[in-house]
Amino acid sequence: MDWQLLISQLLNGLQLGMLLFLLAAGLTLIFGIMDFINLSHGSFYMIGAFVCATLVERTGSLIASVVIAVVIVFGVGLLVERFVARKLYAHDHLDQVLVTFGLILIFDTLAHLIWGAAGMTIPLPAWLNGQIDIAGVIIPGYRVLIISAGLAVVVGLFFLVTRSRLGMLIRAGASNRTMVTALGVNIDRLYLVVFALGAALAGFAGMLIAPITEASIGMGNEIIIVAFVVVIVGGIGSIKGAFVSAILIGFIDTLGRSYLDDLLSLFLATRYAETAAPALSAMTIYILMASVLAFRPQGLFPPASSMR
C-alpha cells in the first residue's frame, strides 16, 4: 500500500468532513431547536461563495472578503428567518419543505440574475497557493487552511454552546422549549440568532470550497443532501454528533472512491469491479444512515430528549 497516498486521501476526507460539519452544524441546530426543516440551507452555501468571489474581485483581499461575506450571509439569514421561516414554525413539516424548496428556486434565480449563468472563481493569494511537505507527503497549503478553519469553528462552537449564556439557552431550547419560553426567554430572538448563525456557517463553507471548485448556481443543492445525512447519523440537535458524523462520512466517502474498486477486484473481475465501485461508493453513506436508523434511530450522539 502507498502510505503517502493513503495519508493524502485521509486529509482529503478530513477536508470534506470539515466542510460537511460547517453545513451540518447550523442545520442540526435549526432542526433540533426549532423543529424546522430548511431545504434551502444549501442556498446560503452558494450565496457565501458568490458574495466572497465578488468581494475578492473588488478588493483583492481573500481574508477581508471572507470576513465581510460572513457578515453579509449572517444578515441574509436574519432576513430569511424574520420574513419566511418564522411564519412556518407552527406549520407541519410538509409546508416547511414546500416553502424552503421554493426558496431554493428563488435564490438560484436571483443568483442567475445577479451573477449570470457562468460560475465565478476565487484566485488564491500566493501564500496559500503553495504546498507543504510533511514526512514526504505533499499537502496543498490551502487544504491545511480549510482543515484548520474547520477545527477553529469546532472549538469556537464548543465554547459557545457549553460556556456562554447563548449556548445555555440553545441547549435548553433543544431539550425543553416549553420551559425556556415559560421562564421568559425571548424565543423569537433565540431562533433568529440560531438561524442566522447556521446561515453564516453554511456561507463560510461555500467560501472555503469556492477557490477549489468555483461559485456556481445550485452548488449547495447536492451537498445539502449529504449534510442531512450527517445530521441524522450524528443525532438531530447535537453539535458533537454533527462533528463526529461529518468526519466519519468524509473518510468513508473519500476512501470509498479511492479504494473500493481495489477491494472489489479481490472478488470480481477487474472490469466488473471498476464498473460497480463508483455506484457502491455513492451508496456507502446512505447505507451507513440506514444502518444507524435501524439500530440507533436517535443518532450516534443524540442530545437530551426534547419536549415538543
C-alpha atoms as a PDB file:
ATOM      1  CA  MET A   1       0.000   0.000   0.000  1.00  0.00           C
ATOM      2  CA  ASP A   2       1.212   3.513  -0.828  1.00  0.00           C
ATOM      3  CA  TRP A   3       1.142   5.126   2.629  1.00  0.00           C
ATOM      4  CA  GLN A   4       1.768   8.599   1.268  1.00  0.00           C
ATOM      5  CA  LEU A   5      -1.273   8.270  -0.980  1.00  0.00           C
ATOM      6  CA  LEU A   6      -3.326   6.935   1.939  1.00  0.00           C
ATOM      7  CA  ILE A   7      -2.362   9.903   4.128  1.00  0.00           C
ATOM      8  CA  SER A   8      -3.233  12.255   1.288  1.00  0.00           C
ATOM      9  CA  GLN A   9      -6.660  10.619   0.911  1.00  0.00           C
ATOM     10  CA  LEU A  10      -7.243  10.813   4.668  1.00  0.00           C
ATOM     11  CA  LEU A  11      -6.530  14.530   4.536  1.00  0.00           C
ATOM     12  CA  ASN A  12      -8.981  14.818   1.637  1.00  0.00           C
ATOM     13  CA  GLY A  13     -11.560  13.067   3.790  1.00  0.00           C
ATOM     14  CA  LEU A  14     -10.817  15.383   6.715  1.00  0.00           C
ATOM     15  CA  GLN A  15     -11.221  18.387   4.445  1.00  0.00           C
ATOM     16  CA  LEU A  16     -14.594  17.112   3.235  1.00  0.00           C
ATOM     17  CA  GLY A  17     -15.577  16.365   6.821  1.00  0.00           C
ATOM     18  CA  MET A  18     -14.804  19.947   7.892  1.00  0.00           C
ATOM     19  CA  LEU A  19     -16.938  21.363   5.078  1.00  0.00           C
ATOM     20  CA  LEU A  20     -19.796  18.999   5.913  1.00  0.00           C
ATOM     21  CA  PHE A  21     -19.564  19.947   9.586  1.00  0.00           C
ATOM     22  CA  LEU A  22     -19.857  23.658   8.795  1.00  0.00           C
ATOM     23  CA  LEU A  23     -23.038  22.913   6.848  1.00  0.00           C
ATOM     24  CA  ALA A  24     -24.450  20.381   9.296  1.00  0.00           C
ATOM     25  CA  ALA A  25     -23.746  22.369  12.480  1.00  0.00           C
ATOM     26  CA  GLY A  26     -26.226  25.090  11.619  1.00  0.00           C
ATOM     27  CA  LEU A  27     -28.644  22.622  10.098  1.00  0.00           C
ATOM     28  CA  THR A  28     -28.716  20.423  13.202  1.00  0.00           C
ATOM     29  CA  LEU A  29     -29.264  23.425  15.497  1.00  0.00           C
ATOM     30  CA  ILE A  30     -32.118  24.729  13.347  1.00  0.00           C
ATOM     31  CA  PHE A  31     -33.709  21.284  13.105  1.00  0.00           C
ATOM     32  CA  GLY A  32     -33.039  20.354  16.737  1.00  0.00           C
ATOM     33  CA  ILE A  33     -34.174  23.584  18.390  1.00  0.00           C
ATOM     34  CA  MET A  34     -36.839  24.879  16.029  1.00  0.00           C
ATOM     35  CA  ASP A  35     -38.047  21.538  14.664  1.00  0.00           C
ATOM     36  CA  PHE A  36     -37.761  23.305  11.305  1.00  0.00           C
ATOM     37  CA  ILE A  37     -36.755  21.539   8.076  1.00  0.00           C
ATOM     38  CA  ASN A  38     -34.834  24.008   5.925  1.00  0.00           C
ATOM     39  CA  LEU A  39     -34.116  22.582   2.485  1.00  0.00           C
ATOM     40  CA  SER A  40     -32.769  25.982   1.406  1.00  0.00           C
ATOM     41  CA  HIS A  41     -29.849  25.797   3.857  1.00  0.00           C
ATOM     42  CA  GLY A  42     -27.567  24.921   0.934  1.00  0.00           C
ATOM     43  CA  SER A  43     -28.504  28.218  -0.732  1.00  0.00           C
ATOM     44  CA  PHE A  44     -26.538  30.075   1.954  1.00  0.00           C
ATOM     45  CA  TYR A  45     -23.557  27.925   0.926  1.00  0.00           C
ATOM     46  CA  MET A  46     -23.980  29.213  -2.636  1.00  0.00           C
ATOM     47  CA  ILE A  47     -24.574  32.822  -1.581  1.00  0.00           C
ATOM     48  CA  GLY A  48     -21.446  32.808   0.570  1.00  0.00           C
ATOM     49  CA  ALA A  49     -19.357  31.593  -2.371  1.00  0.00           C
ATOM     50  CA  PHE A  50     -20.725  34.189  -4.815  1.00  0.00           C
ATOM     51  CA  VAL A  51     -20.517  37.106  -2.387  1.00  0.00           C
ATOM     52  CA  CYS A  52     -16.958  36.206  -1.418  1.00  0.00           C
ATOM     53  CA  ALA A  53     -15.931  35.834  -5.083  1.00  0.00           C
ATOM     54  CA  THR A  54     -17.396  39.261  -5.856  1.00  0.00           C
ATOM     55  CA  LEU A  55     -15.623  40.901  -2.925  1.00  0.00           C
ATOM     56  CA  VAL A  56     -12.288  39.293  -3.820  1.00  0.00           C
ATOM     57  CA  GLU A  57     -12.727  40.633  -7.362  1.00  0.00           C
ATOM     58  CA  ARG A  58     -13.334  44.135  -5.997  1.00  0.00           C
ATOM     59  CA  THR A  59     -10.886  44.244  -3.063  1.00  0.00           C
ATOM     60  CA  GLY A  60      -8.181  41.737  -3.986  1.00  0.00           C
ATOM     61  CA  SER A  61      -8.059  40.504  -0.376  1.00  0.00           C
ATOM     62  CA  LEU A  62      -9.319  36.991   0.365  1.00  0.00           C
ATOM     63  CA  ILE A  63      -9.260  37.329   4.156  1.00  0.00           C
ATOM     64  CA  ALA A  64     -11.114  40.660   4.227  1.00  0.00           C
ATOM     65  CA  SER A  65     -13.615  39.343   1.684  1.00  0.00           C
ATOM     66  CA  VAL A  66     -14.357  36.256   3.789  1.00  0.00           C
ATOM     67  CA  VAL A  67     -14.944  38.356   6.912  1.00  0.00           C
ATOM     68  CA  ILE A  68     -17.284  40.769   5.122  1.00  0.00           C
ATOM     69  CA  ALA A  69     -19.079  37.939   3.284  1.00  0.00           C
ATOM     70  CA  VAL A  70     -19.746  36.059   6.545  1.00  0.00           C
ATOM     71  CA  VAL A  71     -21.422  39.203   7.934  1.00  0.00           C
ATOM     72  CA  ILE A  72     -23.484  39.605   4.755  1.00  0.00           C
ATOM     73  CA  VAL A  73     -24.664  35.973   4.791  1.00  0.00           C
ATOM     74  CA  PHE A  74     -25.499  36.332   8.504  1.00  0.00           C
ATOM     75  CA  GLY A  75     -27.685  39.295   7.520  1.00  0.00           C
ATOM     76  CA  VAL A  76     -29.363  37.289   4.756  1.00  0.00           C
ATOM     77  CA  GLY A  77     -30.085  34.588   7.344  1.00  0.00           C
ATOM     78  CA  LEU A  78     -31.677  37.195   9.614  1.00  0.00           C
ATOM     79  CA  LEU A  79     -33.981  38.340   6.812  1.00  0.00           C
ATOM     80  CA  VAL A  80     -34.992  34.809   5.788  1.00  0.00           C
ATOM     81  CA  GLU A  81     -35.777  33.845   9.383  1.00  0.00           C
ATOM     82  CA  ARG A  82     -37.709  37.036  10.116  1.00  0.00           C
ATOM     83  CA  PHE A  83     -39.856  37.128   6.990  1.00  0.00           C
ATOM     84  CA  VAL A  84     -40.128  33.494   5.894  1.00  0.00           C
ATOM     85  CA  ALA A  85     -39.075  30.861   8.424  1.00  0.00           C
ATOM     86  CA  ARG A  86     -40.787  32.462  11.420  1.00  0.00           C
ATOM     87  CA  LYS A  87     -44.168  32.179   9.720  1.00  0.00           C
ATOM     88  CA  LEU A  88     -43.676  28.425   9.263  1.00  0.00           C
ATOM     89  CA  TYR A  89     -42.749  27.253  12.773  1.00  0.00           C
ATOM     90  CA  ALA A  90     -46.359  26.463  13.643  1.00  0.00           C
ATOM     91  CA  HIS A  91     -46.925  24.621  10.363  1.00  0.00           C
ATOM     92  CA  ASP A  92     -46.217  20.960   9.711  1.00  0.00           C
ATOM     93  CA  HIS A  93     -43.047  19.696   8.068  1.00  0.00           C
ATOM     94  CA  LEU A  94     -44.648  19.340   4.636  1.00  0.00           C
ATOM     95  CA  ASP A  95     -45.350  23.081   4.500  1.00  0.00           C
ATOM     96  CA  GLN A  96     -41.777  23.804   5.587  1.00  0.00           C
ATOM     97  CA  VAL A  97     -40.376  21.511   2.903  1.00  0.00           C
ATOM     98  CA  LEU A  98     -42.508  23.079   0.172  1.00  0.00           C
ATOM     99  CA  VAL A  99     -41.713  26.687   1.113  1.00  0.00           C
ATOM    100  CA  THR A 100     -37.990  26.142   1.614  1.00  0.00           C
ATOM    101  CA  PHE A 101     -37.827  24.254  -1.694  1.00  0.00           C
ATOM    102  CA  GLY A 102     -39.392  27.336  -3.239  1.00  0.00           C
ATOM    103  CA  LEU A 103     -36.648  29.410  -1.600  1.00  0.00           C
ATOM    104  CA  ILE A 104     -34.048  27.272  -3.387  1.00  0.00           C
ATOM    105  CA  LEU A 105     -35.600  28.199  -6.728  1.00  0.00           C
ATOM    106  CA  ILE A 106     -35.784  31.878  -5.749  1.00  0.00           C
ATOM    107  CA  PHE A 107     -32.154  32.031  -4.609  1.00  0.00           C
ATOM    108  CA  ASP A 108     -30.931  30.161  -7.695  1.00  0.00           C
ATOM    109  CA  THR A 109     -32.853  32.546  -9.961  1.00  0.00           C
ATOM    110  CA  LEU A 110     -31.555  35.612  -8.107  1.00  0.00           C
ATOM    111  CA  ALA A 111     -28.002  34.285  -8.394  1.00  0.00           C
ATOM    112  CA  HIS A 112     -28.532  33.824 -12.138  1.00  0.00           C
ATOM    113  CA  LEU A 113     -29.834  37.410 -12.481  1.00  0.00           C
ATOM    114  CA  ILE A 114     -27.051  38.952 -10.379  1.00  0.00           C
ATOM    115  CA  TRP A 115     -24.002  36.905 -11.366  1.00  0.00           C
ATOM    116  CA  GLY A 116     -25.030  35.253 -14.622  1.00  0.00           C
ATOM    117  CA  ALA A 117     -25.072  31.602 -15.632  1.00  0.00           C
ATOM    118  CA  ALA A 118     -21.292  31.161 -15.593  1.00  0.00           C
ATOM    119  CA  GLY A 119     -19.556  30.413 -12.322  1.00  0.00           C
ATOM    120  CA  MET A 120     -17.055  32.668 -10.558  1.00  0.00           C
ATOM    121  CA  THR A 121     -13.590  31.599  -9.485  1.00  0.00           C
ATOM    122  CA  ILE A 122     -11.679  32.877  -6.471  1.00  0.00           C
ATOM    123  CA  PRO A 123      -7.945  33.200  -7.101  1.00  0.00           C
ATOM    124  CA  LEU A 124      -5.773  32.178  -4.167  1.00  0.00           C
ATOM    125  CA  PRO A 125      -3.069  34.530  -2.911  1.00  0.00           C
ATOM    126  CA  ALA A 126       0.499  33.345  -3.395  1.00  0.00           C
ATOM    127  CA  TRP A 127       0.931  32.428   0.284  1.00  0.00           C
ATOM    128  CA  LEU A 128      -1.927  29.923   0.012  1.00  0.00           C
ATOM    129  CA  ASN A 129      -1.112  28.582  -3.420  1.00  0.00           C
ATOM    130  CA  GLY A 130       1.934  26.541  -2.420  1.00  0.00           C
ATOM    131  CA  GLN A 131       2.449  23.078  -0.999  1.00  0.00           C
ATOM    132  CA  ILE A 132       3.709  21.751   2.305  1.00  0.00           C
ATOM    133  CA  ASP A 133       5.975  18.707   2.562  1.00  0.00           C
ATOM    134  CA  ILE A 134       5.330  16.703   5.739  1.00  0.00           C
ATOM    135  CA  ALA A 135       7.374  13.490   6.010  1.00  0.00           C
ATOM    136  CA  GLY A 136       7.357  13.103   2.241  1.00  0.00           C
ATOM    137  CA  VAL A 137       3.619  13.758   1.904  1.00  0.00           C
ATOM    138  CA  ILE A 138       2.906  16.776  -0.293  1.00  0.00           C
ATOM    139  CA  ILE A 139      -0.077  18.696   1.058  1.00  0.00           C
ATOM    140  CA  PRO A 140      -1.611  21.742  -0.656  1.00  0.00           C
ATOM    141  CA  GLY A 141      -1.365  24.743   1.659  1.00  0.00           C
ATOM    142  CA  TYR A 142      -4.985  25.685   1.086  1.00  0.00           C
ATOM    143  CA  ARG A 143      -6.149  22.242   2.233  1.00  0.00           C
ATOM    144  CA  VAL A 144      -4.354  22.846   5.520  1.00  0.00           C
ATOM    145  CA  LEU A 145      -6.182  26.179   5.819  1.00  0.00           C
ATOM    146  CA  ILE A 146      -9.588  24.555   5.262  1.00  0.00           C
ATOM    147  CA  ILE A 147      -8.909  21.902   7.899  1.00  0.00           C
ATOM    148  CA  SER A 148      -7.546  24.499  10.337  1.00  0.00           C
ATOM    149  CA  ALA A 149     -10.523  26.819   9.784  1.00  0.00           C
ATOM    150  CA  GLY A 150     -12.943  23.941  10.325  1.00  0.00           C
ATOM    151  CA  LEU A 151     -11.224  22.925  13.560  1.00  0.00           C
ATOM    152  CA  ALA A 152     -11.255  26.548  14.735  1.00  0.00           C
ATOM    153  CA  VAL A 153     -15.016  26.682  14.167  1.00  0.00           C
ATOM    154  CA  VAL A 154     -15.412  23.392  16.078  1.00  0.00           C
ATOM    155  CA  VAL A 155     -13.560  24.853  19.082  1.00  0.00           C
ATOM    156  CA  GLY A 156     -15.497  28.117  18.827  1.00  0.00           C
ATOM    157  CA  LEU A 157     -18.868  26.343  18.704  1.00  0.00           C
ATOM    158  CA  PHE A 158     -17.847  24.122  21.624  1.00  0.00           C
ATOM    159  CA  PHE A 159     -17.177  27.145  23.823  1.00  0.00           C
ATOM    160  CA  LEU A 160     -20.253  28.966  22.507  1.00  0.00           C
ATOM    161  CA  VAL A 161     -22.579  26.043  23.261  1.00  0.00           C
ATOM    162  CA  THR A 162     -21.021  24.918  26.562  1.00  0.00           C
ATOM    163  CA  ARG A 163     -19.591  28.094  28.110  1.00  0.00           C
ATOM    164  CA  SER A 164     -21.797  31.029  27.081  1.00  0.00           C
ATOM    165  CA  ARG A 165     -25.256  32.215  28.082  1.00  0.00           C
ATOM    166  CA  LEU A 166     -26.415  31.918  24.470  1.00  0.00           C
ATOM    167  CA  GLY A 167     -25.166  28.346  24.422  1.00  0.00           C
ATOM    168  CA  MET A 168     -27.041  27.616  27.633  1.00  0.00           C
ATOM    169  CA  LEU A 169     -30.232  28.926  26.034  1.00  0.00           C
ATOM    170  CA  ILE A 170     -29.557  26.913  22.868  1.00  0.00           C
ATOM    171  CA  ARG A 171     -29.119  23.700  24.876  1.00  0.00           C
ATOM    172  CA  ALA A 172     -32.174  24.488  26.980  1.00  0.00           C
ATOM    173  CA  GLY A 173     -34.245  25.247  23.893  1.00  0.00           C
ATOM    174  CA  ALA A 174     -33.174  21.959  22.324  1.00  0.00           C
ATOM    175  CA  SER A 175     -34.108  19.939  25.418  1.00  0.00           C
ATOM    176  CA  ASN A 176     -37.213  21.750  26.704  1.00  0.00           C
ATOM    177  CA  ARG A 177     -38.567  24.538  24.543  1.00  0.00           C
ATOM    178  CA  THR A 178     -41.738  24.988  26.604  1.00  0.00           C
ATOM    179  CA  MET A 179     -39.867  25.571  29.857  1.00  0.00           C
ATOM    180  CA  VAL A 180     -37.495  28.071  28.235  1.00  0.00           C
ATOM    181  CA  THR A 181     -40.459  30.075  26.976  1.00  0.00           C
ATOM    182  CA  ALA A 182     -42.178  29.908  30.375  1.00  0.00           C
ATOM    183  CA  LEU A 183     -39.044  31.327  32.055  1.00  0.00           C
ATOM    184  CA  GLY A 184     -39.364  34.489  29.996  1.00  0.00           C
ATOM    185  CA  VAL A 185     -36.705  33.875  27.353  1.00  0.00           C
ATOM    186  CA  ASN A 186     -37.416  35.678  24.087  1.00  0.00           C
ATOM    187  CA  ILE A 187     -37.684  32.568  21.968  1.00  0.00           C
ATOM    188  CA  ASP A 188     -38.134  34.558  18.735  1.00  0.00           C
ATOM    189  CA  ARG A 189     -34.805  36.299  19.295  1.00  0.00           C
ATOM    190  CA  LEU A 190     -33.128  32.985  20.101  1.00  0.00           C
ATOM    191  CA  TYR A 191     -34.476  31.441  16.909  1.00  0.00           C
ATOM    192  CA  LEU A 192     -33.358  34.484  14.925  1.00  0.00           C
ATOM    193  CA  VAL A 193     -29.762  34.244  16.163  1.00  0.00           C
ATOM    194  CA  VAL A 194     -29.530  30.468  15.747  1.00  0.00           C
ATOM    195  CA  PHE A 195     -30.927  30.572  12.209  1.00  0.00           C
ATOM    196  CA  ALA A 196     -28.589  33.388  11.141  1.00  0.00           C
ATOM    197  CA  LEU A 197     -25.608  31.656  12.774  1.00  0.00           C
ATOM    198  CA  GLY A 198     -26.411  28.493  10.832  1.00  0.00           C
ATOM    199  CA  ALA A 199     -26.667  30.514   7.612  1.00  0.00           C
ATOM    200  CA  ALA A 200     -23.283  32.153   8.278  1.00  0.00           C
ATOM    201  CA  LEU A 201     -21.625  28.767   8.880  1.00  0.00           C
ATOM    202  CA  ALA A 202     -23.056  27.398   5.624  1.00  0.00           C
ATOM    203  CA  GLY A 203     -21.911  30.505   3.781  1.00  0.00           C
ATOM    204  CA  PHE A 204     -18.425  30.154   5.283  1.00  0.00           C
ATOM    205  CA  ALA A 205     -18.245  26.582   3.960  1.00  0.00           C
ATOM    206  CA  GLY A 206     -19.140  27.866   0.483  1.00  0.00           C
ATOM    207  CA  MET A 207     -16.392  30.495   0.697  1.00  0.00           C
ATOM    208  CA  LEU A 208     -13.818  27.856   1.625  1.00  0.00           C
ATOM    209  CA  ILE A 209     -14.661  25.485  -1.226  1.00  0.00           C
ATOM    210  CA  ALA A 210     -15.123  28.118  -3.955  1.00  0.00           C
ATOM    211  CA  PRO A 211     -11.377  28.557  -4.704  1.00  0.00           C
ATOM    212  CA  ILE A 212     -11.175  24.790  -5.372  1.00  0.00           C
ATOM    213  CA  THR A 213     -14.364  24.303  -7.375  1.00  0.00           C
ATOM    214  CA  GLU A 214     -15.917  27.707  -8.152  1.00  0.00           C
ATOM    215  CA  ALA A 215     -19.023  29.573  -7.151  1.00  0.00           C
ATOM    216  CA  SER A 216     -21.840  28.173  -9.281  1.00  0.00           C
ATOM    217  CA  ILE A 217     -25.618  28.232  -9.333  1.00  0.00           C
ATOM    218  CA  GLY A 218     -27.132  25.351  -7.379  1.00  0.00           C
ATOM    219  CA  MET A 219     -23.806  24.319  -5.837  1.00  0.00           C
ATOM    220  CA  GLY A 220     -25.467  23.797  -2.461  1.00  0.00           C
ATOM    221  CA  ASN A 221     -28.312  21.621  -3.692  1.00  0.00           C
ATOM    222  CA  GLU A 222     -26.299  18.393  -3.830  1.00  0.00           C
ATOM    223  CA  ILE A 223     -24.114  18.785  -0.761  1.00  0.00           C
ATOM    224  CA  ILE A 224     -27.132  19.664   1.416  1.00  0.00           C
ATOM    225  CA  ILE A 225     -28.399  16.103   0.957  1.00  0.00           C
ATOM    226  CA  VAL A 226     -25.154  14.776   2.429  1.00  0.00           C
ATOM    227  CA  ALA A 227     -25.403  17.375   5.209  1.00  0.00           C
ATOM    228  CA  PHE A 228     -28.835  15.991   6.156  1.00  0.00           C
ATOM    229  CA  VAL A 229     -27.260  12.519   6.287  1.00  0.00           C
ATOM    230  CA  VAL A 230     -24.629  13.921   8.669  1.00  0.00           C
ATOM    231  CA  VAL A 231     -27.345  15.398  10.906  1.00  0.00           C
ATOM    232  CA  ILE A 232     -29.347  12.168  11.017  1.00  0.00           C
ATOM    233  CA  VAL A 233     -26.342   9.931  11.671  1.00  0.00           C
ATOM    234  CA  GLY A 234     -24.909  12.223  14.352  1.00  0.00           C
ATOM    235  CA  GLY A 235     -28.196  12.931  16.109  1.00  0.00           C
ATOM    236  CA  ILE A 236     -30.573  15.810  15.422  1.00  0.00           C
ATOM    237  CA  GLY A 237     -29.621  18.831  17.544  1.00  0.00           C
ATOM    238  CA  SER A 238     -26.181  17.517  18.553  1.00  0.00           C
ATOM    239  CA  ILE A 239     -23.082  19.547  17.643  1.00  0.00           C
ATOM    240  CA  LYS A 240     -20.839  16.718  18.856  1.00  0.00           C
ATOM    241  CA  GLY A 241     -22.795  14.259  16.745  1.00  0.00           C
ATOM    242  CA  ALA A 242     -22.549  16.517  13.685  1.00  0.00           C
ATOM    243  CA  PHE A 243     -18.765  16.760  14.096  1.00  0.00           C
ATOM    244  CA  VAL A 244     -18.134  13.025  14.548  1.00  0.00           C
ATOM    245  CA  SER A 245     -20.587  12.092  11.806  1.00  0.00           C
ATOM    246  CA  ALA A 246     -19.128  14.642   9.354  1.00  0.00           C
ATOM    247  CA  ILE A 247     -15.593  13.337   9.849  1.00  0.00           C
ATOM    248  CA  LEU A 248     -16.784   9.725   9.574  1.00  0.00           C
ATOM    249  CA  ILE A 249     -18.726  10.372   6.380  1.00  0.00           C
ATOM    250  CA  GLY A 250     -15.862  12.408   4.920  1.00  0.00           C
ATOM    251  CA  PHE A 251     -13.477   9.483   5.418  1.00  0.00           C
ATOM    252  CA  ILE A 252     -15.965   6.883   4.165  1.00  0.00           C
ATOM    253  CA  ASP A 253     -16.778   8.855   1.020  1.00  0.00           C
ATOM    254  CA  THR A 254     -13.164   9.696   0.150  1.00  0.00           C
ATOM    255  CA  LEU A 255     -11.669   6.289   0.910  1.00  0.00           C
ATOM    256  CA  GLY A 256     -14.560   4.508  -0.790  1.00  0.00           C
ATOM    257  CA  ARG A 257     -13.994   6.395  -4.028  1.00  0.00           C
ATOM    258  CA  SER A 258     -10.247   5.679  -3.863  1.00  0.00           C
ATOM    259  CA  TYR A 259     -10.031   2.063  -2.720  1.00  0.00           C
ATOM    260  CA  LEU A 260     -13.391   0.341  -3.207  1.00  0.00           C
ATOM    261  CA  ASP A 261     -12.504  -0.821  -6.719  1.00  0.00           C
ATOM    262  CA  ASP A 262      -9.318  -2.477  -5.400  1.00  0.00           C
ATOM    263  CA  LEU A 263     -11.339  -4.230  -2.706  1.00  0.00           C
ATOM    264  CA  LEU A 264     -13.964  -5.459  -5.158  1.00  0.00           C
ATOM    265  CA  SER A 265     -11.292  -6.700  -7.532  1.00  0.00           C
ATOM    266  CA  LEU A 266     -10.413  -9.333  -4.920  1.00  0.00           C
ATOM    267  CA  PHE A 267     -13.806 -10.948  -5.567  1.00  0.00           C
ATOM    268  CA  LEU A 268     -14.768  -9.785  -9.070  1.00  0.00           C
ATOM    269  CA  ALA A 269     -13.115  -9.412 -12.426  1.00  0.00           C
ATOM    270  CA  THR A 270     -11.355  -6.068 -12.761  1.00  0.00           C
ATOM    271  CA  ARG A 271     -13.780  -4.642 -15.318  1.00  0.00           C
ATOM    272  CA  TYR A 272     -16.778  -5.508 -13.121  1.00  0.00           C
ATOM    273  CA  ALA A 273     -15.073  -4.094 -10.035  1.00  0.00           C
ATOM    274  CA  GLU A 274     -14.307  -0.809 -11.805  1.00  0.00           C
ATOM    275  CA  THR A 275     -17.904  -0.578 -13.005  1.00  0.00           C
ATOM    276  CA  ALA A 276     -19.514  -1.379  -9.658  1.00  0.00           C
ATOM    277  CA  ALA A 277     -17.173   0.627  -7.419  1.00  0.00           C
ATOM    278  CA  PRO A 278     -18.437   4.168  -8.261  1.00  0.00           C
ATOM    279  CA  ALA A 279     -22.076   3.188  -7.722  1.00  0.00           C
ATOM    280  CA  LEU A 280     -21.360   1.376  -4.453  1.00  0.00           C
ATOM    281  CA  SER A 281     -19.175   4.241  -3.262  1.00  0.00           C
ATOM    282  CA  ALA A 282     -22.023   6.711  -3.792  1.00  0.00           C
ATOM    283  CA  MET A 283     -24.339   4.393  -1.824  1.00  0.00           C
ATOM    284  CA  THR A 284     -21.996   3.882   1.143  1.00  0.00           C
ATOM    285  CA  ILE A 285     -23.003   6.889   3.212  1.00  0.00           C
ATOM    286  CA  TYR A 286     -26.698   6.120   2.700  1.00  0.00           C
ATOM    287  CA  ILE A 287     -26.114   2.524   3.777  1.00  0.00           C
ATOM    288  CA  LEU A 288     -24.470   3.952   6.908  1.00  0.00           C
ATOM    289  CA  MET A 289     -27.501   6.172   7.525  1.00  0.00           C
ATOM    290  CA  ALA A 290     -29.906   3.261   7.066  1.00  0.00           C
ATOM    291  CA  SER A 291     -27.870   1.140   9.489  1.00  0.00           C
ATOM    292  CA  VAL A 292     -27.872   3.879  12.124  1.00  0.00           C
ATOM    293  CA  LEU A 293     -31.610   4.417  11.731  1.00  0.00           C
ATOM    294  CA  ALA A 294     -32.185   0.676  12.072  1.00  0.00           C
ATOM    295  CA  PHE A 295     -30.131   0.136  15.223  1.00  0.00           C
ATOM    296  CA  ARG A 296     -29.973   3.603  16.822  1.00  0.00           C
ATOM    297  CA  PRO A 297     -32.782   5.793  15.406  1.00  0.00           C
ATOM    298  CA  GLN A 298     -31.883   8.762  17.643  1.00  0.00           C
ATOM    299  CA  GLY A 299     -28.408   9.002  16.082  1.00  0.00           C
ATOM    300  CA  LEU A 300     -24.941   8.254  17.400  1.00  0.00           C
ATOM    301  CA  PHE A 301     -24.758  11.188  19.841  1.00  0.00           C
ATOM    302  CA  PRO A 302     -28.319  12.440  20.458  1.00  0.00           C
ATOM    303  CA  PRO A 303     -28.876  15.497  22.671  1.00  0.00           C
ATOM    304  CA  ALA A 304     -31.074  15.385  25.740  1.00  0.00           C
ATOM    305  CA  SER A 305     -34.595  14.351  24.806  1.00  0.00           C
ATOM    306  CA  SER A 306     -36.845  17.174  23.711  1.00  0.00           C
ATOM    307  CA  MET A 307     -40.313  18.056  24.967  1.00  0.00           C
ATOM    308  CA  ARG A 308     -42.163  19.261  21.936  1.00  0.00           C
END
